[in-house]
Amino acid sequence: MPKIKTHQATVKRFTVTKSKKLKHRKPGQDHFNARDTGSEGTKKRRDMTASKAFTKNIKQFIPYNV
């Protein structure tokens, strides 16, 4: 049986926690941040947990990291 290739773009964007949850950065941090309110800027600095439906698809892309 051949090895399954890991999708490298997915590995760079998601990290697997000890309890097998997937963490990722909040999108939209690169530019146009001056117009955001203070609370929006604070929220963008935090990591987010992927939803359960989304997690199922992502785990197929990273078979050896889960």
N, C-alpha and C. Protein backbone atom coordinates (compact mmCIF):
# COMPACT_ATOMS: atom_id res chain seq x y z
N MET A 1 0.84 -1.18 0.00
CA MET A 1 0.00 0.00 0.00
C MET A 1 0.89 1.25 0.00
N PRO A 2 0.73 2.15 -0.97
CA PRO A 2 1.58 3.35 -0.98
C PRO A 2 1.18 4.34 0.11
N LYS A 3 2.12 5.20 0.44
CA LYS A 3 1.85 6.22 1.43
C LYS A 3 0.92 7.28 0.86
N ILE A 4 0.15 7.92 1.72
CA ILE A 4 -0.73 9.00 1.31
C ILE A 4 0.05 10.30 1.42
N LYS A 5 -0.02 11.14 0.40
CA LYS A 5 0.70 12.41 0.43
C LYS A 5 -0.04 13.40 1.32
N THR A 6 0.72 14.16 2.07
CA THR A 6 0.18 15.20 2.93
C THR A 6 0.05 16.48 2.12
N HIS A 7 -1.08 17.16 2.25
CA HIS A 7 -1.30 18.44 1.57
C HIS A 7 -0.57 19.53 2.35
N GLN A 8 0.53 20.03 1.76
CA GLN A 8 1.43 20.91 2.49
C GLN A 8 0.81 22.26 2.84
N ALA A 9 -0.07 22.79 2.00
CA ALA A 9 -0.72 24.07 2.30
C ALA A 9 -1.62 23.95 3.54
N THR A 10 -2.25 22.79 3.70
CA THR A 10 -3.10 22.57 4.86
C THR A 10 -2.26 22.45 6.13
N VAL A 11 -1.13 21.78 6.04
CA VAL A 11 -0.25 21.61 7.19
C VAL A 11 0.25 22.97 7.68
N LYS A 12 0.53 23.89 6.74
CA LYS A 12 1.03 25.20 7.11
C LYS A 12 -0.03 26.07 7.78
N ARG A 13 -1.29 25.82 7.50
CA ARG A 13 -2.37 26.67 8.00
C ARG A 13 -3.02 26.16 9.28
N PHE A 14 -2.93 24.86 9.55
CA PHE A 14 -3.62 24.27 10.70
C PHE A 14 -2.63 23.55 11.60
N THR A 15 -2.87 23.64 12.91
CA THR A 15 -2.10 22.86 13.87
C THR A 15 -3.05 21.99 14.67
N VAL A 16 -2.62 20.78 14.98
CA VAL A 16 -3.44 19.84 15.72
C VAL A 16 -3.08 19.93 17.19
N THR A 17 -4.07 20.13 18.04
CA THR A 17 -3.84 20.22 19.48
C THR A 17 -3.73 18.82 20.08
N LYS A 18 -3.45 18.76 21.36
CA LYS A 18 -3.31 17.47 22.03
C LYS A 18 -4.63 16.70 22.05
N SER A 19 -5.74 17.43 22.12
CA SER A 19 -7.05 16.78 22.14
C SER A 19 -7.63 16.62 20.73
N LYS A 20 -6.74 16.67 19.70
CA LYS A 20 -7.09 16.42 18.29
C LYS A 20 -7.99 17.50 17.67
N LYS A 21 -8.03 18.69 18.27
CA LYS A 21 -8.74 19.80 17.66
C LYS A 21 -7.81 20.51 16.69
N LEU A 22 -8.39 21.23 15.72
CA LEU A 22 -7.58 21.94 14.74
C LEU A 22 -7.65 23.44 14.99
N LYS A 23 -6.48 24.06 15.18
CA LYS A 23 -6.40 25.50 15.39
C LYS A 23 -5.92 26.16 14.11
N HIS A 24 -6.44 27.37 13.86
CA HIS A 24 -5.96 28.15 12.72
C HIS A 24 -6.09 29.63 13.04
N ARG A 25 -5.36 30.45 12.31
CA ARG A 25 -5.40 31.88 12.53
C ARG A 25 -6.65 32.47 11.90
N LYS A 26 -7.13 33.54 12.50
CA LYS A 26 -8.30 34.23 11.94
C LYS A 26 -7.89 34.88 10.62
N PRO A 27 -8.71 34.72 9.57
CA PRO A 27 -8.33 35.30 8.27
C PRO A 27 -8.50 36.82 8.25
N GLY A 28 -7.87 37.46 7.28
CA GLY A 28 -8.02 38.89 7.08
C GLY A 28 -7.10 39.73 7.93
N GLN A 29 -5.86 39.30 8.15
CA GLN A 29 -4.94 40.04 9.00
C GLN A 29 -3.89 40.81 8.22
N ASP A 30 -3.83 40.64 6.91
CA ASP A 30 -2.70 41.17 6.16
C ASP A 30 -2.74 42.68 5.95
N HIS A 31 -3.84 43.20 5.44
CA HIS A 31 -3.89 44.63 5.18
C HIS A 31 -5.30 45.15 5.39
N PHE A 32 -5.47 46.46 5.31
CA PHE A 32 -6.74 47.16 5.58
C PHE A 32 -7.17 46.98 7.04
N ASN A 33 -6.20 46.94 7.94
CA ASN A 33 -6.53 46.75 9.35
C ASN A 33 -6.75 48.07 10.09
N ALA A 34 -6.37 49.19 9.47
CA ALA A 34 -6.52 50.48 10.14
C ALA A 34 -8.00 50.85 10.29
N ARG A 35 -8.83 50.37 9.41
CA ARG A 35 -10.25 50.70 9.47
C ARG A 35 -11.02 49.86 10.49
N ASP A 36 -10.40 48.80 10.98
CA ASP A 36 -11.08 47.94 11.96
C ASP A 36 -11.19 48.64 13.31
N THR A 37 -12.21 48.27 14.06
CA THR A 37 -12.33 48.77 15.42
C THR A 37 -11.31 48.05 16.31
N GLY A 38 -11.14 48.55 17.52
CA GLY A 38 -10.18 47.93 18.42
C GLY A 38 -10.53 46.50 18.76
N SER A 39 -11.82 46.24 18.95
CA SER A 39 -12.23 44.88 19.31
C SER A 39 -12.02 43.92 18.14
N GLU A 40 -12.23 44.40 16.92
CA GLU A 40 -11.99 43.54 15.75
C GLU A 40 -10.51 43.18 15.64
N GLY A 41 -9.65 44.15 15.88
CA GLY A 41 -8.22 43.89 15.83
C GLY A 41 -7.78 42.91 16.88
N THR A 42 -8.38 43.01 18.07
CA THR A 42 -8.06 42.08 19.14
C THR A 42 -8.51 40.67 18.78
N LYS A 43 -9.69 40.54 18.19
CA LYS A 43 -10.21 39.22 17.81
C LYS A 43 -9.36 38.58 16.73
N LYS A 44 -8.79 39.39 15.84
CA LYS A 44 -7.96 38.84 14.77
C LYS A 44 -6.66 38.26 15.28
N ARG A 45 -6.23 38.67 16.46
CA ARG A 45 -4.97 38.16 17.01
C ARG A 45 -5.12 36.79 17.64
N ARG A 46 -6.33 36.35 17.85
CA ARG A 46 -6.55 35.06 18.52
C ARG A 46 -6.66 33.93 17.51
N ASP A 47 -6.31 32.74 17.95
CA ASP A 47 -6.48 31.55 17.12
C ASP A 47 -7.93 31.08 17.21
N MET A 48 -8.38 30.43 16.15
CA MET A 48 -9.73 29.89 16.12
C MET A 48 -9.66 28.38 16.03
N THR A 49 -10.73 27.72 16.47
CA THR A 49 -10.85 26.28 16.35
C THR A 49 -11.75 25.98 15.17
N ALA A 50 -11.35 25.06 14.31
CA ALA A 50 -12.14 24.70 13.14
C ALA A 50 -13.41 23.97 13.58
N SER A 51 -14.49 24.17 12.83
CA SER A 51 -15.75 23.51 13.15
C SER A 51 -15.62 22.00 12.91
N LYS A 52 -16.53 21.24 13.50
CA LYS A 52 -16.45 19.77 13.40
C LYS A 52 -16.64 19.29 11.97
N ALA A 53 -17.55 19.92 11.22
CA ALA A 53 -17.78 19.52 9.84
C ALA A 53 -16.55 19.81 8.98
N PHE A 54 -15.89 20.92 9.25
CA PHE A 54 -14.70 21.33 8.52
C PHE A 54 -13.51 20.45 8.91
N THR A 55 -13.45 20.05 10.16
CA THR A 55 -12.36 19.23 10.67
C THR A 55 -12.29 17.88 9.96
N LYS A 56 -13.43 17.31 9.67
CA LYS A 56 -13.48 16.00 9.01
C LYS A 56 -12.79 16.07 7.64
N ASN A 57 -13.01 17.15 6.89
CA ASN A 57 -12.39 17.30 5.58
C ASN A 57 -10.89 17.57 5.70
N ILE A 58 -10.51 18.38 6.66
CA ILE A 58 -9.10 18.75 6.80
C ILE A 58 -8.26 17.55 7.20
N LYS A 59 -8.78 16.69 8.04
CA LYS A 59 -8.02 15.53 8.51
C LYS A 59 -7.69 14.56 7.38
N GLN A 60 -8.44 14.60 6.29
CA GLN A 60 -8.11 13.77 5.13
C GLN A 60 -6.86 14.30 4.42
N PHE A 61 -6.62 15.61 4.50
CA PHE A 61 -5.46 16.21 3.87
C PHE A 61 -4.18 16.00 4.68
N ILE A 62 -4.31 15.82 6.00
CA ILE A 62 -3.13 15.65 6.86
C ILE A 62 -3.23 14.32 7.60
N PRO A 63 -3.07 13.19 6.91
CA PRO A 63 -3.30 11.89 7.54
C PRO A 63 -2.29 11.54 8.63
N TYR A 64 -1.05 12.03 8.56
CA TYR A 64 -0.04 11.63 9.52
C TYR A 64 0.13 12.63 10.65
N ASN A 65 -0.53 13.76 10.58
CA ASN A 65 -0.43 14.77 11.63
C ASN A 65 -1.53 14.62 12.67
N VAL A 66 -2.54 13.79 12.40
CA VAL A 66 -3.68 13.69 13.30
C VAL A 66 -3.53 12.54 14.25
